[in-house]
Amino acid sequence: MEYRKRRRIRRKEARKLSDEIRERWGDCPFSGDHQVDLAEGRDFGLIFSDGKLVGLIYNGMAFLTLRGILLCSPSKKWVTVDMGAVKFLYNGADVMAPGIVDADIEIREGDPVWVKEEKHGKPLAVGIALMEGGEMVTSRKGKAIKTLHHIGDKVWKADE
């Protein structure tokens, strides 16, 4: 993955970023004590912790990458999809409401969310909610999440 202007941030800035992620997601893979770098990617900002790509910045909001989610197991902003949706998400599709079996009811439209599969709870994608959490579960039509990052994309492959 190509990026530019990678720079180390101060501990105070890293702590603030970590607190923002922890508040939004319930956990964070780094703290102010880690070496945290920011860089500019083509589509969004990138957050590196101890050399690993663990977060994204999109429209001013900090997200965890799938690898960041695997490091810390966040407890908020999750959406569970049925196994029929997995192959579509693996190819980068947006999440459609009929494939959603459960969701955090605190999700609001415009929130960053992470998508997991129902069988093992493994993360599949990260995106922006296009509807509220309760509505995602009850709705039988429409797009529920705009996918920004998924298994197998350039962000996922950046840390291989």
Foldseek 3Di string as FASTA:
>chain_A
DDWDDKDWDALVVQQVLQVLACVQFVHWLDHSVWTWIWIGDPQFIFIDTNRATFWTAHPNHIDGALVGCVRIVTDAQEWEFEPVCQVVLQVPDFAWLQRTQAGHQQAAAQGKHWYAYDPPRRTFFIFGAHHGRVCSNPDNGDGGTRTDHGPPDPSNVVRD
